[in-house]
Amino acid sequence: MLQIIMLLVIAMPINEELHLKFQGEKIGHVTRSEYSVPLLDIPVINTIPYAELTNKLDAQIRKAPENAKLDDYGNIVTEKLGHSLHKEKFRELFSDYFFGLGPATIELPIRPIYPKVDSELLSNIKTRQLSVYVTFFNSRNKERTNNITIATQAINNTVVFPGETFSFNKVVGKRTKEKGYLPAPVIVKGELSEGIGGGICQVSSTLYNAVDRAGVHIVQRYSHSRSVPYVPPGRDATVSWYGPDFVFKNKYSHPILIRARAIDGKMLIRVFSADDIDYRPRSGS
């Protein structure tokens, strides 16, 4: 029996390549020797470099899904599937090569990643407007307008599922020059100064008033250290990447949809959901 095993090991060329392809294009190659356990007389896959290989391939080909969304005219833009490496199927294909003879070629198998929001869901939750809130800004201030526009686009078409928590900082992300944010006036300890992303507190404040009118549960909200001109006193929501956040929770049994737009000096946020949602609108300033 030992002689048979030794013959198999001798017959198995360890340097013949496995060519890796994705969607018909070659993306790399490996050999058996790279993934063999050293100092063993029988072929065994070394799990450490193999895991590194699969993680690298997954990162190389992974594509995030895209949720269905509404365009500026209210039409549904269909969702797009994402994909990742199907590691179980890849293991089978890799094993066939590793324990086989000669070179081989593998077309990387993929596993679909489905978006959270598809067209059917979106069509059901865009029908009933729960609330709306409007604020105004000086569109001649190009830097501040730019920042408001970028942050508004980040929250537009956000769907918050039942029991889910929305974090402004998490959804909008860090405000950086690389994302297009510009220096504009910000309030720091009651004083005006310049800061990257100045103006986005108008977006968070408009959102706060819109979702508050829709009756969601406000989890975290802080006011500025001085009054702001775009909302009544006490109705603002200051945010900072390393400081305050604005957070709310959807307490309803249906998802809610946030529609946001900033154009011609007007910041408009509307909240929608399904026709049969059971909610009590909250009046406010």
C-alpha atoms as a PDB file:
ATOM      1  CA  MET A   1       0.000   0.000   0.000  1.00  0.00           C
ATOM      2  CA  LEU A   2       2.849   2.366   0.883  1.00  0.00           C
ATOM      3  CA  GLN A   3       4.422   1.678  -2.500  1.00  0.00           C
ATOM      4  CA  ILE A   4       1.182   2.673  -4.281  1.00  0.00           C
ATOM      5  CA  ILE A   5       1.020   5.963  -2.337  1.00  0.00           C
ATOM      6  CA  MET A   6       4.640   6.743  -3.129  1.00  0.00           C
ATOM      7  CA  LEU A   7       4.027   6.090  -6.812  1.00  0.00           C
ATOM      8  CA  LEU A   8       1.071   8.508  -6.761  1.00  0.00           C
ATOM      9  CA  VAL A   9       3.178  11.195  -5.115  1.00  0.00           C
ATOM     10  CA  ILE A  10       5.995  10.720  -7.601  1.00  0.00           C
ATOM     11  CA  ALA A  11       3.547  10.770 -10.519  1.00  0.00           C
ATOM     12  CA  MET A  12       1.872  14.013  -9.371  1.00  0.00           C
ATOM     13  CA  PRO A  13       3.791  16.959 -10.877  1.00  0.00           C
ATOM     14  CA  ILE A  14       3.700  19.626  -8.173  1.00  0.00           C
ATOM     15  CA  ASN A  15       4.803  22.533 -10.345  1.00  0.00           C
ATOM     16  CA  GLU A  16       2.204  22.262 -13.102  1.00  0.00           C
ATOM     17  CA  GLU A  17       0.026  25.345 -13.003  1.00  0.00           C
ATOM     18  CA  LEU A  18      -3.601  25.910 -12.179  1.00  0.00           C
ATOM     19  CA  HIS A  19      -4.841  28.835 -14.252  1.00  0.00           C
ATOM     20  CA  LEU A  20      -7.540  30.958 -12.631  1.00  0.00           C
ATOM     21  CA  LYS A  21     -10.100  32.768 -14.752  1.00  0.00           C
ATOM     22  CA  PHE A  22     -13.023  35.034 -14.006  1.00  0.00           C
ATOM     23  CA  GLN A  23     -15.633  35.803 -16.633  1.00  0.00           C
ATOM     24  CA  GLY A  24     -13.284  34.376 -19.236  1.00  0.00           C
ATOM     25  CA  GLU A  25     -10.318  36.567 -18.288  1.00  0.00           C
ATOM     26  CA  LYS A  26      -7.169  35.143 -16.708  1.00  0.00           C
ATOM     27  CA  ILE A  27      -6.578  36.661 -13.268  1.00  0.00           C
ATOM     28  CA  GLY A  28      -3.741  34.496 -11.946  1.00  0.00           C
ATOM     29  CA  HIS A  29      -2.149  31.096 -11.576  1.00  0.00           C
ATOM     30  CA  VAL A  30      -0.878  28.841  -8.780  1.00  0.00           C
ATOM     31  CA  THR A  31       0.970  25.543  -8.428  1.00  0.00           C
ATOM     32  CA  ARG A  32       0.503  22.514  -6.191  1.00  0.00           C
ATOM     33  CA  SER A  33       3.805  23.159  -4.462  1.00  0.00           C
ATOM     34  CA  GLU A  34       2.514  26.474  -3.078  1.00  0.00           C
ATOM     35  CA  TYR A  35      -0.316  24.712  -1.234  1.00  0.00           C
ATOM     36  CA  SER A  36       1.279  21.410  -0.231  1.00  0.00           C
ATOM     37  CA  VAL A  37       2.150  20.608   3.370  1.00  0.00           C
ATOM     38  CA  PRO A  38       5.957  20.419   3.475  1.00  0.00           C
ATOM     39  CA  LEU A  39       7.797  17.297   4.609  1.00  0.00           C
ATOM     40  CA  LEU A  40       4.834  14.979   3.980  1.00  0.00           C
ATOM     41  CA  ASP A  41       5.029  12.065   1.568  1.00  0.00           C
ATOM     42  CA  ILE A  42       1.322  12.207   0.726  1.00  0.00           C
ATOM     43  CA  PRO A  43      -0.520  15.117  -0.914  1.00  0.00           C
ATOM     44  CA  VAL A  44      -2.246  17.298   1.709  1.00  0.00           C
ATOM     45  CA  ILE A  45      -3.553  20.822   1.147  1.00  0.00           C
ATOM     46  CA  ASN A  46      -1.902  23.348   3.431  1.00  0.00           C
ATOM     47  CA  THR A  47      -4.908  25.167   4.899  1.00  0.00           C
ATOM     48  CA  ILE A  48      -3.084  28.399   5.787  1.00  0.00           C
ATOM     49  CA  PRO A  49      -1.953  29.483   2.290  1.00  0.00           C
ATOM     50  CA  TYR A  50      -5.156  28.015   0.844  1.00  0.00           C
ATOM     51  CA  ALA A  51      -7.288  30.255   3.081  1.00  0.00           C
ATOM     52  CA  GLU A  52      -5.148  33.236   2.069  1.00  0.00           C
ATOM     53  CA  LEU A  53      -5.732  32.346  -1.589  1.00  0.00           C
ATOM     54  CA  THR A  54      -9.519  32.128  -1.276  1.00  0.00           C
ATOM     55  CA  ASN A  55      -9.699  35.374   0.703  1.00  0.00           C
ATOM     56  CA  LYS A  56      -7.548  37.128  -1.902  1.00  0.00           C
ATOM     57  CA  LEU A  57      -9.653  35.816  -4.791  1.00  0.00           C
ATOM     58  CA  ASP A  58     -12.883  36.756  -3.037  1.00  0.00           C
ATOM     59  CA  ALA A  59     -11.646  40.313  -2.482  1.00  0.00           C
ATOM     60  CA  GLN A  60     -10.502  40.482  -6.103  1.00  0.00           C
ATOM     61  CA  ILE A  61     -13.824  39.498  -7.689  1.00  0.00           C
ATOM     62  CA  ARG A  62     -16.371  40.510  -5.042  1.00  0.00           C
ATOM     63  CA  LYS A  63     -18.985  42.984  -6.208  1.00  0.00           C
ATOM     64  CA  ALA A  64     -21.433  44.661  -3.854  1.00  0.00           C
ATOM     65  CA  PRO A  65     -25.127  44.587  -4.788  1.00  0.00           C
ATOM     66  CA  GLU A  66     -26.965  47.802  -5.613  1.00  0.00           C
ATOM     67  CA  ASN A  67     -30.353  48.485  -4.073  1.00  0.00           C
ATOM     68  CA  ALA A  68     -33.308  49.488  -6.172  1.00  0.00           C
ATOM     69  CA  LYS A  69     -33.842  53.240  -5.943  1.00  0.00           C
ATOM     70  CA  LEU A  70     -36.019  56.066  -7.195  1.00  0.00           C
ATOM     71  CA  ASP A  71     -34.710  58.582  -9.694  1.00  0.00           C
ATOM     72  CA  ASP A  72     -35.459  62.303  -9.487  1.00  0.00           C
ATOM     73  CA  TYR A  73     -38.808  61.719 -11.201  1.00  0.00           C
ATOM     74  CA  GLY A  74     -39.949  58.931  -8.888  1.00  0.00           C
ATOM     75  CA  ASN A  75     -39.289  56.106 -11.334  1.00  0.00           C
ATOM     76  CA  ILE A  76     -37.822  52.875  -9.990  1.00  0.00           C
ATOM     77  CA  VAL A  77     -34.252  52.069 -11.005  1.00  0.00           C
ATOM     78  CA  THR A  78     -33.952  48.278 -10.860  1.00  0.00           C
ATOM     79  CA  GLU A  79     -31.634  46.656  -8.332  1.00  0.00           C
ATOM     80  CA  LYS A  80     -28.411  44.886  -9.344  1.00  0.00           C
ATOM     81  CA  LEU A  81     -27.121  41.615  -7.929  1.00  0.00           C
ATOM     82  CA  GLY A  82     -23.661  41.400  -6.445  1.00  0.00           C
ATOM     83  CA  HIS A  83     -21.473  38.324  -6.152  1.00  0.00           C
ATOM     84  CA  SER A  84     -18.689  36.730  -4.139  1.00  0.00           C
ATOM     85  CA  LEU A  85     -16.461  33.694  -4.535  1.00  0.00           C
ATOM     86  CA  HIS A  86     -18.392  30.454  -4.012  1.00  0.00           C
ATOM     87  CA  LYS A  87     -15.812  28.965  -1.664  1.00  0.00           C
ATOM     88  CA  GLU A  88     -17.390  25.513  -1.383  1.00  0.00           C
ATOM     89  CA  LYS A  89     -17.501  24.986  -5.149  1.00  0.00           C
ATOM     90  CA  PHE A  90     -14.008  26.442  -5.520  1.00  0.00           C
ATOM     91  CA  ARG A  91     -12.736  23.957  -2.932  1.00  0.00           C
ATOM     92  CA  GLU A  92     -14.090  21.084  -5.020  1.00  0.00           C
ATOM     93  CA  LEU A  93     -12.493  22.406  -8.207  1.00  0.00           C
ATOM     94  CA  PHE A  94      -9.194  23.135  -6.487  1.00  0.00           C
ATOM     95  CA  SER A  95      -9.133  19.656  -4.938  1.00  0.00           C
ATOM     96  CA  ASP A  96      -9.697  18.053  -8.350  1.00  0.00           C
ATOM     97  CA  TYR A  97      -6.621  19.890  -9.591  1.00  0.00           C
ATOM     98  CA  PHE A  98      -4.511  19.385  -6.472  1.00  0.00           C
ATOM     99  CA  PHE A  99      -5.070  15.636  -6.223  1.00  0.00           C
ATOM    100  CA  GLY A 100      -5.129  15.139  -9.986  1.00  0.00           C
ATOM    101  CA  LEU A 101      -2.480  15.096 -12.663  1.00  0.00           C
ATOM    102  CA  GLY A 102      -1.272  17.803 -14.975  1.00  0.00           C
ATOM    103  CA  PRO A 103      -2.217  21.451 -15.347  1.00  0.00           C
ATOM    104  CA  ALA A 104      -5.778  22.719 -15.160  1.00  0.00           C
ATOM    105  CA  THR A 105      -7.938  25.811 -15.618  1.00  0.00           C
ATOM    106  CA  ILE A 106     -10.690  26.961 -13.261  1.00  0.00           C
ATOM    107  CA  GLU A 107     -13.402  29.497 -13.987  1.00  0.00           C
ATOM    108  CA  LEU A 108     -14.008  30.976 -10.544  1.00  0.00           C
ATOM    109  CA  PRO A 109     -17.488  30.018  -9.299  1.00  0.00           C
ATOM    110  CA  ILE A 110     -19.569  32.801  -7.782  1.00  0.00           C
ATOM    111  CA  ARG A 111     -22.340  33.069  -5.241  1.00  0.00           C
ATOM    112  CA  PRO A 112     -24.965  35.788  -5.785  1.00  0.00           C
ATOM    113  CA  ILE A 113     -25.360  38.550  -3.206  1.00  0.00           C
ATOM    114  CA  TYR A 114     -28.887  39.933  -3.158  1.00  0.00           C
ATOM    115  CA  PRO A 115     -29.611  43.596  -2.369  1.00  0.00           C
ATOM    116  CA  LYS A 116     -31.650  44.468   0.709  1.00  0.00           C
ATOM    117  CA  VAL A 117     -34.018  46.609  -1.342  1.00  0.00           C
ATOM    118  CA  ASP A 118     -35.504  45.239  -4.557  1.00  0.00           C
ATOM    119  CA  SER A 119     -37.996  46.789  -6.953  1.00  0.00           C
ATOM    120  CA  GLU A 120     -40.967  44.986  -5.428  1.00  0.00           C
ATOM    121  CA  LEU A 121     -40.225  46.243  -1.922  1.00  0.00           C
ATOM    122  CA  LEU A 122     -39.557  49.766  -3.147  1.00  0.00           C
ATOM    123  CA  SER A 123     -42.806  49.889  -5.097  1.00  0.00           C
ATOM    124  CA  ASN A 124     -44.683  48.986  -1.900  1.00  0.00           C
ATOM    125  CA  ILE A 125     -43.073  51.560   0.404  1.00  0.00           C
ATOM    126  CA  LYS A 126     -43.046  54.593  -1.885  1.00  0.00           C
ATOM    127  CA  THR A 127     -46.801  54.977  -1.958  1.00  0.00           C
ATOM    128  CA  ARG A 128     -47.697  56.769   1.279  1.00  0.00           C
ATOM    129  CA  GLN A 129     -46.017  59.980   2.368  1.00  0.00           C
ATOM    130  CA  LEU A 130     -45.689  60.089   6.139  1.00  0.00           C
ATOM    131  CA  SER A 131     -44.039  63.481   6.490  1.00  0.00           C
ATOM    132  CA  VAL A 132     -42.162  66.261   4.744  1.00  0.00           C
ATOM    133  CA  TYR A 133     -39.827  68.999   5.939  1.00  0.00           C
ATOM    134  CA  VAL A 134     -38.205  71.851   4.036  1.00  0.00           C
ATOM    135  CA  THR A 135     -35.361  74.205   4.924  1.00  0.00           C
ATOM    136  CA  PHE A 136     -33.623  76.871   2.861  1.00  0.00           C
ATOM    137  CA  PHE A 137     -29.991  77.824   2.247  1.00  0.00           C
ATOM    138  CA  ASN A 138     -28.014  80.405   0.297  1.00  0.00           C
ATOM    139  CA  SER A 139     -27.149  78.697  -2.987  1.00  0.00           C
ATOM    140  CA  ARG A 140     -24.613  81.453  -3.754  1.00  0.00           C
ATOM    141  CA  ASN A 141     -22.399  80.023  -1.029  1.00  0.00           C
ATOM    142  CA  LYS A 142     -20.838  77.424  -3.326  1.00  0.00           C
ATOM    143  CA  GLU A 143     -18.792  75.565  -0.711  1.00  0.00           C
ATOM    144  CA  ARG A 144     -21.676  75.108   1.715  1.00  0.00           C
ATOM    145  CA  THR A 145     -24.068  74.221  -1.116  1.00  0.00           C
ATOM    146  CA  ASN A 146     -21.598  71.606  -2.336  1.00  0.00           C
ATOM    147  CA  ASN A 147     -21.416  69.971   1.091  1.00  0.00           C
ATOM    148  CA  ILE A 148     -25.183  69.991   1.544  1.00  0.00           C
ATOM    149  CA  THR A 149     -25.625  68.389  -1.874  1.00  0.00           C
ATOM    150  CA  ILE A 150     -23.140  65.570  -1.212  1.00  0.00           C
ATOM    151  CA  ALA A 151     -24.634  64.701   2.193  1.00  0.00           C
ATOM    152  CA  THR A 152     -28.156  64.868   0.772  1.00  0.00           C
ATOM    153  CA  GLN A 153     -27.260  62.422  -1.979  1.00  0.00           C
ATOM    154  CA  ALA A 154     -25.813  60.067   0.637  1.00  0.00           C
ATOM    155  CA  ILE A 155     -29.083  59.763   2.573  1.00  0.00           C
ATOM    156  CA  ASN A 156     -31.409  59.860  -0.439  1.00  0.00           C
ATOM    157  CA  ASN A 157     -33.181  56.534  -1.116  1.00  0.00           C
ATOM    158  CA  THR A 158     -32.183  55.130   2.271  1.00  0.00           C
ATOM    159  CA  VAL A 159     -34.563  52.408   3.464  1.00  0.00           C
ATOM    160  CA  VAL A 160     -34.762  51.824   7.218  1.00  0.00           C
ATOM    161  CA  PHE A 161     -36.237  48.436   8.064  1.00  0.00           C
ATOM    162  CA  PRO A 162     -38.495  47.666  11.063  1.00  0.00           C
ATOM    163  CA  GLY A 163     -36.479  47.768  14.266  1.00  0.00           C
ATOM    164  CA  GLU A 164     -33.427  49.056  12.403  1.00  0.00           C
ATOM    165  CA  THR A 165     -31.407  52.039  13.625  1.00  0.00           C
ATOM    166  CA  PHE A 166     -30.293  54.822  11.284  1.00  0.00           C
ATOM    167  CA  SER A 167     -27.041  56.624  12.089  1.00  0.00           C
ATOM    168  CA  PHE A 168     -26.331  59.808  10.148  1.00  0.00           C
ATOM    169  CA  ASN A 169     -22.575  59.440  10.557  1.00  0.00           C
ATOM    170  CA  LYS A 170     -22.638  55.819   9.433  1.00  0.00           C
ATOM    171  CA  VAL A 171     -24.771  56.485   6.349  1.00  0.00           C
ATOM    172  CA  VAL A 172     -23.068  59.706   5.252  1.00  0.00           C
ATOM    173  CA  GLY A 173     -19.587  58.602   6.274  1.00  0.00           C
ATOM    174  CA  LYS A 174     -16.559  60.666   7.155  1.00  0.00           C
ATOM    175  CA  ARG A 175     -16.537  64.084   5.533  1.00  0.00           C
ATOM    176  CA  THR A 176     -13.256  64.324   3.605  1.00  0.00           C
ATOM    177  CA  LYS A 177     -11.744  66.242   0.701  1.00  0.00           C
ATOM    178  CA  GLU A 178     -11.458  62.932  -1.167  1.00  0.00           C
ATOM    179  CA  LYS A 179     -15.248  62.634  -1.123  1.00  0.00           C
ATOM    180  CA  GLY A 180     -15.607  66.145  -2.491  1.00  0.00           C
ATOM    181  CA  TYR A 181     -16.366  68.033   0.718  1.00  0.00           C
ATOM    182  CA  LEU A 182     -15.071  71.597   0.953  1.00  0.00           C
ATOM    183  CA  PRO A 183     -14.178  73.963   3.822  1.00  0.00           C
ATOM    184  CA  ALA A 184     -17.208  75.981   4.940  1.00  0.00           C
ATOM    185  CA  PRO A 185     -18.404  77.643   8.156  1.00  0.00           C
ATOM    186  CA  VAL A 186     -19.072  75.346  11.130  1.00  0.00           C
ATOM    187  CA  ILE A 187     -20.058  76.052  14.729  1.00  0.00           C
ATOM    188  CA  VAL A 188     -17.444  74.975  17.287  1.00  0.00           C
ATOM    189  CA  LYS A 189     -18.110  75.736  20.962  1.00  0.00           C
ATOM    190  CA  GLY A 190     -20.468  78.528  20.055  1.00  0.00           C
ATOM    191  CA  GLU A 191     -18.114  80.189  17.594  1.00  0.00           C
ATOM    192  CA  LEU A 192     -18.051  80.149  13.792  1.00  0.00           C
ATOM    193  CA  SER A 193     -14.972  78.663  12.159  1.00  0.00           C
ATOM    194  CA  GLU A 194     -14.006  76.856   8.957  1.00  0.00           C
ATOM    195  CA  GLY A 195     -14.216  73.094   8.660  1.00  0.00           C
ATOM    196  CA  ILE A 196     -14.386  70.394   5.984  1.00  0.00           C
ATOM    197  CA  GLY A 197     -18.032  69.566   5.385  1.00  0.00           C
ATOM    198  CA  GLY A 198     -19.483  72.722   6.883  1.00  0.00           C
ATOM    199  CA  GLY A 199     -23.210  72.895   6.184  1.00  0.00           C
ATOM    200  CA  ILE A 200     -24.142  69.246   6.571  1.00  0.00           C
ATOM    201  CA  CYS A 201     -25.801  69.967   9.909  1.00  0.00           C
ATOM    202  CA  GLN A 202     -28.586  71.534   7.863  1.00  0.00           C
ATOM    203  CA  VAL A 203     -29.067  68.112   6.252  1.00  0.00           C
ATOM    204  CA  SER A 204     -29.137  66.297   9.606  1.00  0.00           C
ATOM    205  CA  SER A 205     -31.463  68.945  11.075  1.00  0.00           C
ATOM    206  CA  THR A 206     -33.870  68.756   8.135  1.00  0.00           C
ATOM    207  CA  LEU A 207     -33.824  64.965   8.414  1.00  0.00           C
ATOM    208  CA  TYR A 208     -34.478  65.140  12.148  1.00  0.00           C
ATOM    209  CA  ASN A 209     -37.592  67.243  11.677  1.00  0.00           C
ATOM    210  CA  ALA A 210     -38.854  65.065   8.823  1.00  0.00           C
ATOM    211  CA  VAL A 211     -38.502  61.730  10.631  1.00  0.00           C
ATOM    212  CA  ASP A 212     -39.677  63.207  13.927  1.00  0.00           C
ATOM    213  CA  ARG A 213     -42.900  64.255  12.219  1.00  0.00           C
ATOM    214  CA  ALA A 214     -43.192  60.685  10.917  1.00  0.00           C
ATOM    215  CA  GLY A 215     -43.243  59.476  14.511  1.00  0.00           C
ATOM    216  CA  VAL A 216     -40.040  57.425  14.611  1.00  0.00           C
ATOM    217  CA  HIS A 217     -38.119  56.903  17.850  1.00  0.00           C
ATOM    218  CA  ILE A 218     -35.327  59.463  18.218  1.00  0.00           C
ATOM    219  CA  VAL A 219     -32.374  57.669  19.822  1.00  0.00           C
ATOM    220  CA  GLN A 220     -29.703  60.384  19.777  1.00  0.00           C
ATOM    221  CA  ARG A 221     -29.919  64.068  18.914  1.00  0.00           C
ATOM    222  CA  TYR A 222     -27.915  67.088  20.049  1.00  0.00           C
ATOM    223  CA  SER A 223     -28.455  70.799  19.458  1.00  0.00           C
ATOM    224  CA  HIS A 224     -25.774  73.254  18.391  1.00  0.00           C
ATOM    225  CA  SER A 225     -24.107  75.461  20.989  1.00  0.00           C
ATOM    226  CA  ARG A 226     -25.784  78.457  19.350  1.00  0.00           C
ATOM    227  CA  SER A 227     -28.947  78.981  17.307  1.00  0.00           C
ATOM    228  CA  VAL A 228     -28.974  78.234  13.583  1.00  0.00           C
ATOM    229  CA  PRO A 229     -31.026  80.149  10.997  1.00  0.00           C
ATOM    230  CA  TYR A 230     -32.535  77.252   9.044  1.00  0.00           C
ATOM    231  CA  VAL A 231     -34.748  75.657  11.754  1.00  0.00           C
ATOM    232  CA  PRO A 232     -36.623  76.999  14.805  1.00  0.00           C
ATOM    233  CA  PRO A 233     -34.769  77.060  18.151  1.00  0.00           C
ATOM    234  CA  GLY A 234     -34.321  73.589  19.603  1.00  0.00           C
ATOM    235  CA  ARG A 235     -35.196  71.831  16.342  1.00  0.00           C
ATOM    236  CA  ASP A 236     -31.645  71.314  15.053  1.00  0.00           C
ATOM    237  CA  ALA A 237     -29.451  68.200  15.064  1.00  0.00           C
ATOM    238  CA  THR A 238     -25.723  68.811  15.090  1.00  0.00           C
ATOM    239  CA  VAL A 239     -23.381  66.108  13.795  1.00  0.00           C
ATOM    240  CA  SER A 240     -19.622  65.647  13.748  1.00  0.00           C
ATOM    241  CA  TRP A 241     -17.528  62.658  12.705  1.00  0.00           C
ATOM    242  CA  TYR A 242     -15.643  62.591  16.008  1.00  0.00           C
ATOM    243  CA  GLY A 243     -18.525  63.932  18.042  1.00  0.00           C
ATOM    244  CA  PRO A 244     -22.321  64.032  18.046  1.00  0.00           C
ATOM    245  CA  ASP A 245     -24.403  61.793  15.795  1.00  0.00           C
ATOM    246  CA  PHE A 246     -28.066  61.858  14.858  1.00  0.00           C
ATOM    247  CA  VAL A 247     -29.675  58.455  15.352  1.00  0.00           C
ATOM    248  CA  PHE A 248     -33.258  57.244  15.083  1.00  0.00           C
ATOM    249  CA  LYS A 249     -35.026  53.881  15.095  1.00  0.00           C
ATOM    250  CA  ASN A 250     -37.873  52.676  12.890  1.00  0.00           C
ATOM    251  CA  LYS A 251     -40.481  51.465  15.371  1.00  0.00           C
ATOM    252  CA  TYR A 252     -43.023  50.510  12.709  1.00  0.00           C
ATOM    253  CA  SER A 253     -43.796  47.106  11.206  1.00  0.00           C
ATOM    254  CA  HIS A 254     -43.000  48.384   7.696  1.00  0.00           C
ATOM    255  CA  PRO A 255     -39.781  49.791   6.229  1.00  0.00           C
ATOM    256  CA  ILE A 256     -39.615  53.550   5.744  1.00  0.00           C
ATOM    257  CA  LEU A 257     -38.065  55.291   2.748  1.00  0.00           C
ATOM    258  CA  ILE A 258     -36.161  58.576   2.944  1.00  0.00           C
ATOM    259  CA  ARG A 259     -36.266  60.822  -0.113  1.00  0.00           C
ATOM    260  CA  ALA A 260     -33.920  63.798   0.050  1.00  0.00           C
ATOM    261  CA  ARG A 261     -33.095  66.526  -2.424  1.00  0.00           C
ATOM    262  CA  ALA A 262     -31.189  69.813  -2.340  1.00  0.00           C
ATOM    263  CA  ILE A 263     -31.739  72.160  -5.269  1.00  0.00           C
ATOM    264  CA  ASP A 264     -31.979  75.908  -5.862  1.00  0.00           C
ATOM    265  CA  GLY A 265     -31.445  76.785  -2.212  1.00  0.00           C
ATOM    266  CA  LYS A 266     -34.082  74.368  -0.919  1.00  0.00           C
ATOM    267  CA  MET A 267     -33.446  71.268   1.208  1.00  0.00           C
ATOM    268  CA  LEU A 268     -36.408  68.885   1.000  1.00  0.00           C
ATOM    269  CA  ILE A 269     -36.812  65.584   2.849  1.00  0.00           C
ATOM    270  CA  ARG A 270     -39.856  63.337   2.606  1.00  0.00           C
ATOM    271  CA  VAL A 271     -40.547  60.078   4.439  1.00  0.00           C
ATOM    272  CA  PHE A 272     -42.588  57.314   2.804  1.00  0.00           C
ATOM    273  CA  SER A 273     -43.858  53.840   3.638  1.00  0.00           C
ATOM    274  CA  ALA A 274     -46.534  51.312   2.684  1.00  0.00           C
ATOM    275  CA  ASP A 275     -50.202  52.204   2.354  1.00  0.00           C
ATOM    276  CA  ASP A 276     -51.221  50.006   5.286  1.00  0.00           C
ATOM    277  CA  ILE A 277     -48.662  51.286   7.789  1.00  0.00           C
ATOM    278  CA  ASP A 278     -50.213  52.004  11.179  1.00  0.00           C
ATOM    279  CA  TYR A 279     -48.683  55.247  12.361  1.00  0.00           C
ATOM    280  CA  ARG A 280     -49.555  58.445  14.146  1.00  0.00           C
ATOM    281  CA  PRO A 281     -47.981  61.558  12.644  1.00  0.00           C
ATOM    282  CA  ARG A 282     -46.399  63.906  15.121  1.00  0.00           C
ATOM    283  CA  SER A 283     -46.985  67.601  14.670  1.00  0.00           C
ATOM    284  CA  GLY A 284     -43.946  69.796  15.045  1.00  0.00           C
ATOM    285  CA  SER A 285     -42.269  73.058  14.200  1.00  0.00           C
END
